[in-house]
PDB file of N, CA and C in Angstrom:
ATOM      1  N   MET A   1      -7.495 -54.090  90.110  1.00  0.00           N
ATOM      2  CA  MET A   1      -8.858 -53.613  90.241  1.00  0.00           C
ATOM      3  C   MET A   1      -8.987 -52.914  91.591  1.00  0.00           C
ATOM      4  N   HIS A   2      -9.719 -51.798  91.593  1.00  0.00           N
ATOM      5  CA  HIS A   2      -9.954 -51.037  92.832  1.00  0.00           C
ATOM      6  C   HIS A   2     -11.446 -50.765  92.996  1.00  0.00           C
ATOM      7  N   LEU A   3     -11.872 -50.686  94.234  1.00  0.00           N
ATOM      8  CA  LEU A   3     -13.200 -50.211  94.574  1.00  0.00           C
ATOM      9  C   LEU A   3     -13.044 -48.775  95.051  1.00  0.00           C
ATOM     10  N   VAL A   4     -13.703 -47.851  94.366  1.00  0.00           N
ATOM     11  CA  VAL A   4     -13.650 -46.435  94.733  1.00  0.00           C
ATOM     12  C   VAL A   4     -14.997 -46.059  95.337  1.00  0.00           C
ATOM     13  N   GLN A   5     -14.950 -45.429  96.500  1.00  0.00           N
ATOM     14  CA  GLN A   5     -16.159 -44.986  97.188  1.00  0.00           C
ATOM     15  C   GLN A   5     -16.123 -43.466  97.344  1.00  0.00           C
ATOM     16  N   ILE A   6     -17.262 -42.856  97.059  1.00  0.00           N
ATOM     17  CA  ILE A   6     -17.432 -41.413  97.212  1.00  0.00           C
ATOM     18  C   ILE A   6     -18.489 -41.198  98.286  1.00  0.00           C
ATOM     19  N   LEU A   7     -18.146 -40.476  99.351  1.00  0.00           N
ATOM     20  CA  LEU A   7     -19.089 -40.181 100.424  1.00  0.00           C
ATOM     21  C   LEU A   7     -19.627 -38.769 100.209  1.00  0.00           C
ATOM     22  N   LEU A   8     -20.928 -38.675  99.933  1.00  0.00           N
ATOM     23  CA  LEU A   8     -21.545 -37.386  99.618  1.00  0.00           C
ATOM     24  C   LEU A   8     -22.552 -37.005 100.706  1.00  0.00           C
ATOM     25  N   PRO A   9     -22.450 -35.785 101.213  1.00  0.00           N
ATOM     26  CA  PRO A   9     -23.336 -35.340 102.295  1.00  0.00           C
ATOM     27  C   PRO A   9     -24.739 -35.028 101.779  1.00  0.00           C
ATOM     28  N   LEU A  10     -25.719 -35.153 102.675  1.00  0.00           N
ATOM     29  CA  LEU A  10     -27.081 -34.767 102.328  1.00  0.00           C
ATOM     30  C   LEU A  10     -27.319 -33.273 102.540  1.00  0.00           C
ATOM     31  N   PHE A  11     -26.477 -32.657 103.401  1.00  0.00           N
ATOM     32  CA  PHE A  11     -26.644 -31.241 103.735  1.00  0.00           C
ATOM     33  C   PHE A  11     -25.319 -30.516 103.586  1.00  0.00           C
ATOM     34  N   ASP A  12     -25.372 -29.242 103.199  1.00  0.00           N
ATOM     35  CA  ASP A  12     -24.145 -28.452 103.105  1.00  0.00           C
ATOM     36  C   ASP A  12     -23.722 -27.989 104.495  1.00  0.00           C
ATOM     37  N   ASN A  13     -22.634 -27.247 104.571  1.00  0.00           N
ATOM     38  CA  ASN A  13     -22.081 -26.827 105.868  1.00  0.00           C
ATOM     39  C   ASN A  13     -22.985 -25.876 106.640  1.00  0.00           C
ATOM     40  N   GLU A  14     -23.941 -25.241 105.951  1.00  0.00           N
ATOM     41  CA  GLU A  14     -24.880 -24.340 106.623  1.00  0.00           C
ATOM     42  C   GLU A  14     -26.196 -25.036 106.952  1.00  0.00           C
ATOM     43  N   GLY A  15     -26.286 -26.339 106.685  1.00  0.00           N
ATOM     44  CA  GLY A  15     -27.502 -27.093 106.999  1.00  0.00           C
ATOM     45  C   GLY A  15     -28.509 -27.149 105.868  1.00  0.00           C
ATOM     46  N   GLY A  16     -28.186 -26.556 104.715  1.00  0.00           N
ATOM     47  CA  GLY A  16     -29.105 -26.586 103.572  1.00  0.00           C
ATOM     48  C   GLY A  16     -29.069 -27.938 102.878  1.00  0.00           C
ATOM     49  N   LYS A  17     -30.233 -28.419 102.444  1.00  0.00           N
ATOM     50  CA  LYS A  17     -30.320 -29.703 101.749  1.00  0.00           C
ATOM     51  C   LYS A  17     -29.678 -29.581 100.372  1.00  0.00           C
ATOM     52  N   ILE A  18     -28.844 -30.555 100.025  1.00  0.00           N
ATOM     53  CA  ILE A  18     -28.200 -30.588  98.714  1.00  0.00           C
ATOM     54  C   ILE A  18     -29.247 -30.996  97.682  1.00  0.00           C
ATOM     55  N   PRO A  19     -29.352 -30.271  96.564  1.00  0.00           N
ATOM     56  CA  PRO A  19     -30.335 -30.635  95.531  1.00  0.00           C
ATOM     57  C   PRO A  19     -30.075 -32.033  94.961  1.00  0.00           C
ATOM     58  N   ARG A  20     -31.129 -32.772  94.731  1.00  0.00           N
ATOM     59  CA  ARG A  20     -31.051 -34.137  94.191  1.00  0.00           C
ATOM     60  C   ARG A  20     -30.282 -34.180  92.874  1.00  0.00           C
ATOM     61  N   GLU A  21     -30.395 -33.128  92.078  1.00  0.00           N
ATOM     62  CA  GLU A  21     -29.726 -33.089  90.780  1.00  0.00           C
ATOM     63  C   GLU A  21     -28.202 -33.231  90.913  1.00  0.00           C
ATOM     64  N   HIS A  22     -27.638 -32.768  92.023  1.00  0.00           N
ATOM     65  CA  HIS A  22     -26.191 -32.887  92.240  1.00  0.00           C
ATOM     66  C   HIS A  22     -25.770 -34.362  92.247  1.00  0.00           C
ATOM     67  N   TYR A  23     -26.552 -35.189  92.943  1.00  0.00           N
ATOM     68  CA  TYR A  23     -26.228 -36.616  93.018  1.00  0.00           C
ATOM     69  C   TYR A  23     -26.411 -37.284  91.661  1.00  0.00           C
ATOM     70  N   GLU A  24     -27.485 -36.905  90.983  1.00  0.00           N
ATOM     71  CA  GLU A  24     -27.765 -37.497  89.670  1.00  0.00           C
ATOM     72  C   GLU A  24     -26.667 -37.144  88.662  1.00  0.00           C
ATOM     73  N   THR A  25     -26.159 -35.927  88.735  1.00  0.00           N
ATOM     74  CA  THR A  25     -25.081 -35.508  87.836  1.00  0.00           C
ATOM     75  C   THR A  25     -23.821 -36.329  88.077  1.00  0.00           C
ATOM     76  N   VAL A  26     -23.454 -36.502  89.348  1.00  0.00           N
ATOM     77  CA  VAL A  26     -22.266 -37.292  89.686  1.00  0.00           C
ATOM     78  C   VAL A  26     -22.457 -38.742  89.240  1.00  0.00           C
ATOM     79  N   ALA A  27     -23.621 -39.309  89.533  1.00  0.00           N
ATOM     80  CA  ALA A  27     -23.888 -40.702  89.165  1.00  0.00           C
ATOM     81  C   ALA A  27     -23.832 -40.894  87.659  1.00  0.00           C
ATOM     82  N   ALA A  28     -24.388 -39.952  86.901  1.00  0.00           N
ATOM     83  CA  ALA A  28     -24.367 -40.050  85.444  1.00  0.00           C
ATOM     84  C   ALA A  28     -22.932 -39.964  84.908  1.00  0.00           C
ATOM     85  N   GLU A  29     -22.131 -39.090  85.481  1.00  0.00           N
ATOM     86  CA  GLU A  29     -20.739 -38.947  85.046  1.00  0.00           C
ATOM     87  C   GLU A  29     -19.935 -40.213  85.322  1.00  0.00           C
ATOM     88  N   ILE A  30     -20.095 -40.777  86.508  1.00  0.00           N
ATOM     89  CA  ILE A  30     -19.365 -41.995  86.869  1.00  0.00           C
ATOM     90  C   ILE A  30     -19.816 -43.159  85.976  1.00  0.00           C
ATOM     91  N   THR A  31     -21.127 -43.278  85.770  1.00  0.00           N
ATOM     92  CA  THR A  31     -21.654 -44.350  84.926  1.00  0.00           C
ATOM     93  C   THR A  31     -21.141 -44.228  83.497  1.00  0.00           C
ATOM     94  N   ALA A  32     -21.136 -43.014  82.961  1.00  0.00           N
ATOM     95  CA  ALA A  32     -20.651 -42.806  81.590  1.00  0.00           C
ATOM     96  C   ALA A  32     -19.171 -43.161  81.467  1.00  0.00           C
ATOM     97  N   ARG A  33     -18.384 -42.800  82.466  1.00  0.00           N
ATOM     98  CA  ARG A  33     -16.934 -43.030  82.392  1.00  0.00           C
ATOM     99  C   ARG A  33     -16.547 -44.486  82.654  1.00  0.00           C
ATOM    100  N   PHE A  34     -17.228 -45.138  83.618  1.00  0.00           N
ATOM    101  CA  PHE A  34     -16.796 -46.465  84.053  1.00  0.00           C
ATOM    102  C   PHE A  34     -17.797 -47.577  83.736  1.00  0.00           C
ATOM    103  N   GLY A  35     -18.937 -47.229  83.189  1.00  0.00           N
ATOM    104  CA  GLY A  35     -19.893 -48.247  82.773  1.00  0.00           C
ATOM    105  C   GLY A  35     -20.893 -48.669  83.827  1.00  0.00           C
ATOM    106  N   GLY A  36     -20.875 -48.070  84.990  1.00  0.00           N
ATOM    107  CA  GLY A  36     -21.838 -48.394  86.032  1.00  0.00           C
ATOM    108  C   GLY A  36     -21.390 -47.906  87.389  1.00  0.00           C
ATOM    109  N   LEU A  37     -22.256 -48.037  88.389  1.00  0.00           N
ATOM    110  CA  LEU A  37     -21.943 -47.696  89.770  1.00  0.00           C
ATOM    111  C   LEU A  37     -23.015 -48.265  90.667  1.00  0.00           C
ATOM    112  N   THR A  38     -22.740 -48.318  91.941  1.00  0.00           N
ATOM    113  CA  THR A  38     -23.714 -48.681  92.956  1.00  0.00           C
ATOM    114  C   THR A  38     -23.896 -47.477  93.857  1.00  0.00           C
ATOM    115  N   ALA A  39     -25.161 -47.124  94.109  1.00  0.00           N
ATOM    116  CA  ALA A  39     -25.466 -45.982  94.969  1.00  0.00           C
ATOM    117  C   ALA A  39     -26.246 -46.470  96.185  1.00  0.00           C
ATOM    118  N   TYR A  40     -25.736 -46.183  97.360  1.00  0.00           N
ATOM    119  CA  TYR A  40     -26.416 -46.514  98.607  1.00  0.00           C
ATOM    120  C   TYR A  40     -27.123 -45.250  99.083  1.00  0.00           C
ATOM    121  N   THR A  41     -28.420 -45.154  98.772  1.00  0.00           N
ATOM    122  CA  THR A  41     -29.142 -43.903  99.009  1.00  0.00           C
ATOM    123  C   THR A  41     -30.331 -44.053  99.961  1.00  0.00           C
ATOM    124  N   ARG A  42     -30.753 -45.253 100.278  1.00  0.00           N
ATOM    125  CA  ARG A  42     -31.985 -45.431 101.045  1.00  0.00           C
ATOM    126  C   ARG A  42     -31.825 -45.188 102.540  1.00  0.00           C
ATOM    127  N   SER A  43     -30.696 -45.542 103.085  1.00  0.00           N
ATOM    128  CA  SER A  43     -30.429 -45.324 104.508  1.00  0.00           C
ATOM    129  C   SER A  43     -29.092 -44.606 104.619  1.00  0.00           C
ATOM    130  N   PRO A  44     -29.130 -43.302 104.803  1.00  0.00           N
ATOM    131  CA  PRO A  44     -27.848 -42.588 104.873  1.00  0.00           C
ATOM    132  C   PRO A  44     -26.976 -43.111 106.006  1.00  0.00           C
ATOM    133  N   ALA A  45     -25.702 -43.161 105.731  1.00  0.00           N
ATOM    134  CA  ALA A  45     -24.724 -43.456 106.775  1.00  0.00           C
ATOM    135  C   ALA A  45     -24.472 -42.160 107.548  1.00  0.00           C
ATOM    136  N   GLN A  46     -23.981 -42.279 108.759  1.00  0.00           N
ATOM    137  CA  GLN A  46     -23.689 -41.084 109.534  1.00  0.00           C
ATOM    138  C   GLN A  46     -22.198 -41.001 109.806  1.00  0.00           C
ATOM    139  N   GLY A  47     -21.597 -39.925 109.329  1.00  0.00           N
ATOM    140  CA  GLY A  47     -20.212 -39.627 109.656  1.00  0.00           C
ATOM    141  C   GLY A  47     -20.170 -38.828 110.946  1.00  0.00           C
ATOM    142  N   ARG A  48     -19.122 -39.024 111.715  1.00  0.00           N
ATOM    143  CA  ARG A  48     -19.000 -38.341 113.006  1.00  0.00           C
ATOM    144  C   ARG A  48     -17.526 -38.060 113.250  1.00  0.00           C
ATOM    145  N   TRP A  49     -17.207 -36.851 113.671  1.00  0.00           N
ATOM    146  CA  TRP A  49     -15.824 -36.513 113.976  1.00  0.00           C
ATOM    147  C   TRP A  49     -15.762 -35.411 115.025  1.00  0.00           C
ATOM    148  N   LYS A  50     -14.657 -35.415 115.791  1.00  0.00           N
ATOM    149  CA  LYS A  50     -14.443 -34.405 116.845  1.00  0.00           C
ATOM    150  C   LYS A  50     -13.663 -33.241 116.270  1.00  0.00           C
ATOM    151  N   ARG A  51     -14.107 -32.053 116.588  1.00  0.00           N
ATOM    152  CA  ARG A  51     -13.395 -30.825 116.259  1.00  0.00           C
ATOM    153  C   ARG A  51     -13.424 -29.981 117.515  1.00  0.00           C
ATOM    154  N   GLU A  52     -12.252 -29.877 118.133  1.00  0.00           N
ATOM    155  CA  GLU A  52     -12.117 -29.232 119.441  1.00  0.00           C
ATOM    156  C   GLU A  52     -13.000 -29.974 120.429  1.00  0.00           C
ATOM    157  N   GLU A  53     -13.929 -29.305 121.095  1.00  0.00           N
ATOM    158  CA  GLU A  53     -14.774 -29.960 122.089  1.00  0.00           C
ATOM    159  C   GLU A  53     -16.091 -30.462 121.504  1.00  0.00           C
ATOM    160  N   ALA A  54     -16.418 -30.061 120.287  1.00  0.00           N
ATOM    161  CA  ALA A  54     -17.705 -30.431 119.695  1.00  0.00           C
ATOM    162  C   ALA A  54     -17.572 -31.680 118.820  1.00  0.00           C
ATOM    163  N   THR A  55     -18.660 -32.440 118.739  1.00  0.00           N
ATOM    164  CA  THR A  55     -18.737 -33.561 117.808  1.00  0.00           C
ATOM    165  C   THR A  55     -19.640 -33.147 116.659  1.00  0.00           C
ATOM    166  N   ASN A  56     -19.120 -33.277 115.449  1.00  0.00           N
ATOM    167  CA  ASN A  56     -19.887 -32.936 114.249  1.00  0.00           C
ATOM    168  C   ASN A  56     -20.425 -34.206 113.606  1.00  0.00           C
ATOM    169  N   TYR A  57     -21.562 -34.062 112.896  1.00  0.00           N
ATOM    170  CA  TYR A  57     -22.220 -35.179 112.246  1.00  0.00           C
ATOM    171  C   TYR A  57     -22.515 -34.822 110.792  1.00  0.00           C
ATOM    172  N   ASP A  58     -22.515 -35.837 109.963  1.00  0.00           N
ATOM    173  CA  ASP A  58     -22.912 -35.696 108.565  1.00  0.00           C
ATOM    174  C   ASP A  58     -23.695 -36.929 108.171  1.00  0.00           C
ATOM    175  N   ASP A  59     -24.848 -36.748 107.557  1.00  0.00           N
ATOM    176  CA  ASP A  59     -25.537 -37.854 106.920  1.00  0.00           C
ATOM    177  C   ASP A  59     -25.019 -37.927 105.501  1.00  0.00           C
ATOM    178  N   VAL A  60     -24.577 -39.112 105.084  1.00  0.00           N
ATOM    179  CA  VAL A  60     -23.965 -39.261 103.761  1.00  0.00           C
ATOM    180  C   VAL A  60     -24.578 -40.440 103.017  1.00  0.00           C
ATOM    181  N   ILE A  61     -24.523 -40.334 101.689  1.00  0.00           N
ATOM    182  CA  ILE A  61     -24.794 -41.476 100.836  1.00  0.00           C
ATOM    183  C   ILE A  61     -23.460 -41.897 100.235  1.00  0.00           C
ATOM    184  N   VAL A  62     -23.399 -43.128  99.793  1.00  0.00           N
ATOM    185  CA  VAL A  62     -22.152 -43.657  99.248  1.00  0.00           C
ATOM    186  C   VAL A  62     -22.376 -44.089  97.805  1.00  0.00           C
ATOM    187  N   LEU A  63     -21.519 -43.606  96.931  1.00  0.00           N
ATOM    188  CA  LEU A  63     -21.462 -44.093  95.559  1.00  0.00           C
ATOM    189  C   LEU A  63     -20.190 -44.909  95.443  1.00  0.00           C
ATOM    190  N   GLU A  64     -20.279 -46.070  94.799  1.00  0.00           N
ATOM    191  CA  GLU A  64     -19.062 -46.852  94.617  1.00  0.00           C
ATOM    192  C   GLU A  64     -19.014 -47.437  93.218  1.00  0.00           C
ATOM    193  N   VAL A  65     -17.776 -47.593  92.761  1.00  0.00           N
ATOM    194  CA  VAL A  65     -17.540 -48.114  91.419  1.00  0.00           C
ATOM    195  C   VAL A  65     -16.254 -48.927  91.429  1.00  0.00           C
ATOM    196  N   MET A  66     -16.247 -49.999  90.644  1.00  0.00           N
ATOM    197  CA  MET A  66     -15.030 -50.787  90.470  1.00  0.00           C
ATOM    198  C   MET A  66     -14.311 -50.264  89.227  1.00  0.00           C
ATOM    199  N   VAL A  67     -13.011 -49.998  89.369  1.00  0.00           N
ATOM    200  CA  VAL A  67     -12.210 -49.486  88.258  1.00  0.00           C
ATOM    201  C   VAL A  67     -10.988 -50.372  88.061  1.00  0.00           C
ATOM    202  N   ARG A  68     -10.629 -50.536  86.818  1.00  0.00           N
ATOM    203  CA  ARG A  68      -9.457 -51.354  86.494  1.00  0.00           C
ATOM    204  C   ARG A  68      -8.169 -50.623  86.861  1.00  0.00           C
ATOM    205  N   ASN A  69      -8.087 -49.363  86.458  1.00  0.00           N
ATOM    206  CA  ASN A  69      -6.905 -48.538  86.735  1.00  0.00           C
ATOM    207  C   ASN A  69      -7.319 -47.347  87.582  1.00  0.00           C
ATOM    208  N   LEU A  70      -6.514 -47.014  88.566  1.00  0.00           N
ATOM    209  CA  LEU A  70      -6.810 -45.910  89.481  1.00  0.00           C
ATOM    210  C   LEU A  70      -6.090 -44.655  89.002  1.00  0.00           C
ATOM    211  N   ASP A  71      -6.839 -43.748  88.382  1.00  0.00           N
ATOM    212  CA  ASP A  71      -6.294 -42.482  87.891  1.00  0.00           C
ATOM    213  C   ASP A  71      -6.424 -41.445  89.009  1.00  0.00           C
ATOM    214  N   ARG A  72      -5.398 -41.384  89.851  1.00  0.00           N
ATOM    215  CA  ARG A  72      -5.453 -40.519  91.031  1.00  0.00           C
ATOM    216  C   ARG A  72      -5.681 -39.053  90.668  1.00  0.00           C
ATOM    217  N   ARG A  73      -5.123 -38.592  89.598  1.00  0.00           N
ATOM    218  CA  ARG A  73      -5.316 -37.188  89.202  1.00  0.00           C
ATOM    219  C   ARG A  73      -6.781 -36.910  88.867  1.00  0.00           C
ATOM    220  N   TRP A  74      -7.395 -37.806  88.099  1.00  0.00           N
ATOM    221  CA  TRP A  74      -8.803 -37.614  87.735  1.00  0.00           C
ATOM    222  C   TRP A  74      -9.682 -37.602  88.986  1.00  0.00           C
ATOM    223  N   TRP A  75      -9.450 -38.556  89.890  1.00  0.00           N
ATOM    224  CA  TRP A  75     -10.245 -38.619  91.117  1.00  0.00           C
ATOM    225  C   TRP A  75     -10.008 -37.391  91.996  1.00  0.00           C
ATOM    226  N   GLY A  76      -8.771 -36.903  92.051  1.00  0.00           N
ATOM    227  CA  GLY A  76      -8.483 -35.695  92.827  1.00  0.00           C
ATOM    228  C   GLY A  76      -9.193 -34.474  92.258  1.00  0.00           C
ATOM    229  N   ASP A  77      -9.212 -34.364  90.930  1.00  0.00           N
ATOM    230  CA  ASP A  77      -9.934 -33.259  90.285  1.00  0.00           C
ATOM    231  C   ASP A  77     -11.435 -33.359  90.567  1.00  0.00           C
ATOM    232  N   LEU A  78     -11.973 -34.582  90.513  1.00  0.00           N
ATOM    233  CA  LEU A  78     -13.394 -34.769  90.820  1.00  0.00           C
ATOM    234  C   LEU A  78     -13.679 -34.360  92.258  1.00  0.00           C
ATOM    235  N   ARG A  79     -12.822 -34.764  93.187  1.00  0.00           N
ATOM    236  CA  ARG A  79     -13.026 -34.417  94.598  1.00  0.00           C
ATOM    237  C   ARG A  79     -13.097 -32.906  94.795  1.00  0.00           C
ATOM    238  N   LYS A  80     -12.175 -32.179  94.169  1.00  0.00           N
ATOM    239  CA  LYS A  80     -12.176 -30.712  94.302  1.00  0.00           C
ATOM    240  C   LYS A  80     -13.459 -30.108  93.743  1.00  0.00           C
ATOM    241  N   ARG A  81     -13.909 -30.629  92.614  1.00  0.00           N
ATOM    242  CA  ARG A  81     -15.140 -30.104  92.015  1.00  0.00           C
ATOM    243  C   ARG A  81     -16.353 -30.411  92.888  1.00  0.00           C
ATOM    244  N   LEU A  82     -16.386 -31.617  93.457  1.00  0.00           N
ATOM    245  CA  LEU A  82     -17.496 -31.978  94.339  1.00  0.00           C
ATOM    246  C   LEU A  82     -17.504 -31.139  95.610  1.00  0.00           C
ATOM    247  N   GLU A  83     -16.325 -30.819  96.126  1.00  0.00           N
ATOM    248  CA  GLU A  83     -16.262 -29.950  97.316  1.00  0.00           C
ATOM    249  C   GLU A  83     -16.898 -28.600  97.018  1.00  0.00           C
ATOM    250  N   ASP A  84     -16.698 -28.072  95.838  1.00  0.00           N
ATOM    251  CA  ASP A  84     -17.345 -26.813  95.448  1.00  0.00           C
ATOM    252  C   ASP A  84     -18.848 -27.005  95.249  1.00  0.00           C
ATOM    253  N   ASP A  85     -19.220 -28.024  94.474  1.00  0.00           N
ATOM    254  CA  ASP A  85     -20.633 -28.249  94.147  1.00  0.00           C
ATOM    255  C   ASP A  85     -21.474 -28.546  95.383  1.00  0.00           C
ATOM    256  N   PHE A  86     -20.894 -29.305  96.334  1.00  0.00           N
ATOM    257  CA  PHE A  86     -21.632 -29.698  97.533  1.00  0.00           C
ATOM    258  C   PHE A  86     -21.343 -28.771  98.722  1.00  0.00           C
ATOM    259  N   ARG A  87     -20.573 -27.715  98.475  1.00  0.00           N
ATOM    260  CA  ARG A  87     -20.260 -26.702  99.479  1.00  0.00           C
ATOM    261  C   ARG A  87     -19.712 -27.337 100.759  1.00  0.00           C
ATOM    262  N   GLN A  88     -18.612 -28.111 100.585  1.00  0.00           N
ATOM    263  CA  GLN A  88     -17.979 -28.830 101.684  1.00  0.00           C
ATOM    264  C   GLN A  88     -16.512 -28.456 101.797  1.00  0.00           C
ATOM    265  N   GLN A  89     -15.989 -28.508 103.014  1.00  0.00           N
ATOM    266  CA  GLN A  89     -14.553 -28.325 103.203  1.00  0.00           C
ATOM    267  C   GLN A  89     -13.798 -29.523 102.650  1.00  0.00           C
ATOM    268  N   GLU A  90     -14.399 -30.715 102.794  1.00  0.00           N
ATOM    269  CA  GLU A  90     -13.739 -31.917 102.292  1.00  0.00           C
ATOM    270  C   GLU A  90     -14.778 -32.959 101.906  1.00  0.00           C
ATOM    271  N   ILE A  91     -14.601 -33.539 100.747  1.00  0.00           N
ATOM    272  CA  ILE A  91     -15.356 -34.715 100.309  1.00  0.00           C
ATOM    273  C   ILE A  91     -14.388 -35.891 100.362  1.00  0.00           C
ATOM    274  N   VAL A  92     -14.827 -36.998 100.929  1.00  0.00           N
ATOM    275  CA  VAL A  92     -13.974 -38.175 101.006  1.00  0.00           C
ATOM    276  C   VAL A  92     -14.219 -39.053  99.782  1.00  0.00           C
ATOM    277  N   ILE A  93     -13.147 -39.316  99.060  1.00  0.00           N
ATOM    278  CA  ILE A  93     -13.134 -40.336  98.015  1.00  0.00           C
ATOM    279  C   ILE A  93     -12.021 -41.282  98.406  1.00  0.00           C
ATOM    280  N   ARG A  94     -12.362 -42.550  98.565  1.00  0.00           N
ATOM    281  CA  ARG A  94     -11.344 -43.511  99.006  1.00  0.00           C
ATOM    282  C   ARG A  94     -11.335 -44.705  98.048  1.00  0.00           C
ATOM    283  N   ALA A  95     -10.195 -45.353  97.969  1.00  0.00           N
ATOM    284  CA  ALA A  95     -10.036 -46.500  97.079  1.00  0.00           C
ATOM    285  C   ALA A  95      -9.333 -47.617  97.815  1.00  0.00           C
ATOM    286  N   GLN A  96      -9.720 -48.825  97.498  1.00  0.00           N
ATOM    287  CA  GLN A  96      -9.048 -49.982  98.053  1.00  0.00           C
ATOM    288  C   GLN A  96      -8.915 -51.049  96.967  1.00  0.00           C
ATOM    289  N   PRO A  97      -7.794 -51.742  96.963  1.00  0.00           N
ATOM    290  CA  PRO A  97      -7.623 -52.811  95.989  1.00  0.00           C
ATOM    291  C   PRO A  97      -8.622 -53.938  96.283  1.00  0.00           C
ATOM    292  N   ILE A  98      -9.139 -54.541  95.230  1.00  0.00           N
ATOM    293  CA  ILE A  98     -10.065 -55.656  95.411  1.00  0.00           C
ATOM    294  C   ILE A  98      -9.670 -56.793  94.483  1.00  0.00           C
ATOM    295  N   GLU A  99     -10.133 -57.957  94.851  1.00  0.00           N
ATOM    296  CA  GLU A  99      -9.949 -59.142  94.030  1.00  0.00           C
ATOM    297  C   GLU A  99     -11.330 -59.715  93.745  1.00  0.00           C
ATOM    298  N   ARG A 100     -11.686 -59.832  92.477  1.00  0.00           N
ATOM    299  CA  ARG A 100     -12.966 -60.418  92.117  1.00  0.00           C
ATOM    300  C   ARG A 100     -12.871 -61.931  92.278  1.00  0.00           C
ATOM    301  N   LEU A 101     -13.855 -62.491  92.953  1.00  0.00           N
ATOM    302  CA  LEU A 101     -13.850 -63.933  93.213  1.00  0.00           C
ATOM    303  C   LEU A 101     -14.810 -64.651  92.280  1.00  0.00           C
TER     304      LEU A 101
END
């Protein structure tokens, strides 16, 4: 079993707000494929990274889902599509093994 997390920005690279429908589409697709998801949308997390001398920031929401099998190809294809849809250089999708207690 794995926990997969998708970090989605609230704004595109030019500072434009991402339409709400983008998040709803992703959430509906994940729910249909895996039977559910958890969305952390009320308090955006803040990503921060250094690029040369500047520090960049991103406000993100997190979608997460537990999956029995990790289909890396499917997740990689989703990541590429989300990078286009959300107008990002990179969308982070990460997975970690979990044990249900």
